[in-house]
Amino acid sequence: MPTTPDGMQVCPTRVDGQPVLFAHSVTKAMCQDRQRGHYHKCFTCVHNNARGGEVGKHAAEALAKLAPASKVSVG
């Protein structure tokens, strides 16, 4: 992934590390504005305020550990 300019972040940056179809470089203020406006991609983003303590450098690892346990088998 290309580097972002200082003061910018990629929106969205998924917690599971998967690539996104469309990403934008935004400022932290733009990110906050999008979250307040319930932007449809924010719920999967590491910068999502609603994730609380789960967010951070290790958010992808935390989600990966939870993912197998959350799968439901249908059969």
C-alpha atoms as a PDB file:
ATOM      1  CA  MET A   1       0.000   0.000   0.000  1.00  0.00           C
ATOM      2  CA  PRO A   2       1.373   3.452  -0.819  1.00  0.00           C
ATOM      3  CA  THR A   3       2.498   5.648   2.042  1.00  0.00           C
ATOM      4  CA  THR A   4       0.221   8.467   3.132  1.00  0.00           C
ATOM      5  CA  PRO A   5       1.346  12.056   3.678  1.00  0.00           C
ATOM      6  CA  ASP A   6       2.022  13.248   7.235  1.00  0.00           C
ATOM      7  CA  GLY A   7      -1.183  13.928   9.132  1.00  0.00           C
ATOM      8  CA  MET A   8      -3.233  11.695   6.834  1.00  0.00           C
ATOM      9  CA  GLN A   9      -4.585   8.180   7.235  1.00  0.00           C
ATOM     10  CA  VAL A  10      -6.183   5.685   4.858  1.00  0.00           C
ATOM     11  CA  CYS A  11      -9.962   5.483   5.086  1.00  0.00           C
ATOM     12  CA  PRO A  12     -10.998   2.806   5.724  1.00  0.00           C
ATOM     13  CA  THR A  13      -8.152   0.751   7.192  1.00  0.00           C
ATOM     14  CA  ARG A  14      -9.800  -2.593   7.915  1.00  0.00           C
ATOM     15  CA  VAL A  15      -9.197  -4.240  11.286  1.00  0.00           C
ATOM     16  CA  ASP A  16      -8.693  -7.620   9.631  1.00  0.00           C
ATOM     17  CA  GLY A  17      -5.995  -6.297   7.294  1.00  0.00           C
ATOM     18  CA  GLN A  18      -7.957  -7.154   4.154  1.00  0.00           C
ATOM     19  CA  PRO A  19      -7.634  -4.756   1.216  1.00  0.00           C
ATOM     20  CA  VAL A  20     -10.528  -2.418   0.468  1.00  0.00           C
ATOM     21  CA  LEU A  21     -12.084  -1.734  -2.898  1.00  0.00           C
ATOM     22  CA  PHE A  22     -11.891   2.043  -2.547  1.00  0.00           C
ATOM     23  CA  ALA A  23      -9.638   3.862  -0.091  1.00  0.00           C
ATOM     24  CA  HIS A  24      -9.010   7.542   0.466  1.00  0.00           C
ATOM     25  CA  SER A  25      -6.356   9.528   2.301  1.00  0.00           C
ATOM     26  CA  VAL A  26      -8.091  11.682   4.876  1.00  0.00           C
ATOM     27  CA  THR A  27      -7.102  13.902   7.776  1.00  0.00           C
ATOM     28  CA  LYS A  28      -8.022  12.884  11.317  1.00  0.00           C
ATOM     29  CA  ALA A  29     -10.665  15.644  11.318  1.00  0.00           C
ATOM     30  CA  MET A  30     -12.239  14.245   8.128  1.00  0.00           C
ATOM     31  CA  CYS A  31     -12.212  10.776   9.686  1.00  0.00           C
ATOM     32  CA  GLN A  32     -14.052  12.049  12.756  1.00  0.00           C
ATOM     33  CA  ASP A  33     -16.569  13.894  10.570  1.00  0.00           C
ATOM     34  CA  ARG A  34     -17.284  10.736   8.578  1.00  0.00           C
ATOM     35  CA  GLN A  35     -17.802   8.730  11.753  1.00  0.00           C
ATOM     36  CA  ARG A  36     -20.223  11.326  13.099  1.00  0.00           C
ATOM     37  CA  GLY A  37     -22.072  11.123   9.766  1.00  0.00           C
ATOM     38  CA  HIS A  38     -22.274   7.308   9.999  1.00  0.00           C
ATOM     39  CA  TYR A  39     -20.160   6.774   6.897  1.00  0.00           C
ATOM     40  CA  HIS A  40     -20.876   3.232   5.738  1.00  0.00           C
ATOM     41  CA  LYS A  41     -17.264   1.970   5.775  1.00  0.00           C
ATOM     42  CA  CYS A  42     -16.299   3.174   9.255  1.00  0.00           C
ATOM     43  CA  PHE A  43     -17.601   0.124  11.121  1.00  0.00           C
ATOM     44  CA  THR A  44     -14.761  -2.021   9.702  1.00  0.00           C
ATOM     45  CA  CYS A  45     -11.999   0.547  10.253  1.00  0.00           C
ATOM     46  CA  VAL A  46      -9.239   0.457  12.878  1.00  0.00           C
ATOM     47  CA  HIS A  47      -9.799   4.174  13.458  1.00  0.00           C
ATOM     48  CA  ASN A  48     -13.454   3.636  14.440  1.00  0.00           C
ATOM     49  CA  ASN A  49     -14.074   5.281  17.826  1.00  0.00           C
ATOM     50  CA  ALA A  50     -16.799   2.770  18.712  1.00  0.00           C
ATOM     51  CA  ARG A  51     -14.248  -0.057  18.896  1.00  0.00           C
ATOM     52  CA  GLY A  52     -12.763   1.467  22.058  1.00  0.00           C
ATOM     53  CA  GLY A  53      -9.870  -0.490  23.578  1.00  0.00           C
ATOM     54  CA  GLU A  54      -9.746  -3.032  20.744  1.00  0.00           C
ATOM     55  CA  VAL A  55      -8.312  -0.442  18.360  1.00  0.00           C
ATOM     56  CA  GLY A  56      -4.587  -0.050  18.051  1.00  0.00           C
ATOM     57  CA  LYS A  57      -1.553  -1.661  16.542  1.00  0.00           C
ATOM     58  CA  HIS A  58      -2.808  -5.141  17.369  1.00  0.00           C
ATOM     59  CA  ALA A  59      -6.464  -4.793  16.304  1.00  0.00           C
ATOM     60  CA  ALA A  60      -6.027  -7.113  13.316  1.00  0.00           C
ATOM     61  CA  GLU A  61      -4.493  -9.818  15.517  1.00  0.00           C
ATOM     62  CA  ALA A  62      -7.290  -9.467  18.067  1.00  0.00           C
ATOM     63  CA  LEU A  63      -9.938  -9.816  15.379  1.00  0.00           C
ATOM     64  CA  ALA A  64      -8.142 -12.787  13.791  1.00  0.00           C
ATOM     65  CA  LYS A  65      -8.183 -14.599  17.150  1.00  0.00           C
ATOM     66  CA  LEU A  66     -11.920 -13.982  17.511  1.00  0.00           C
ATOM     67  CA  ALA A  67     -12.865 -14.830  13.922  1.00  0.00           C
ATOM     68  CA  PRO A  68     -12.687 -18.653  14.143  1.00  0.00           C
ATOM     69  CA  ALA A  69     -14.810 -18.681  17.298  1.00  0.00           C
ATOM     70  CA  SER A  70     -17.486 -16.487  15.725  1.00  0.00           C
ATOM     71  CA  LYS A  71     -18.044 -18.742  12.699  1.00  0.00           C
ATOM     72  CA  VAL A  72     -21.312 -20.636  12.835  1.00  0.00           C
ATOM     73  CA  SER A  73     -21.660 -23.897  10.970  1.00  0.00           C
ATOM     74  CA  VAL A  74     -24.915 -24.511   9.162  1.00  0.00           C
ATOM     75  CA  GLY A  75     -25.714 -28.005   8.296  1.00  0.00           C
END
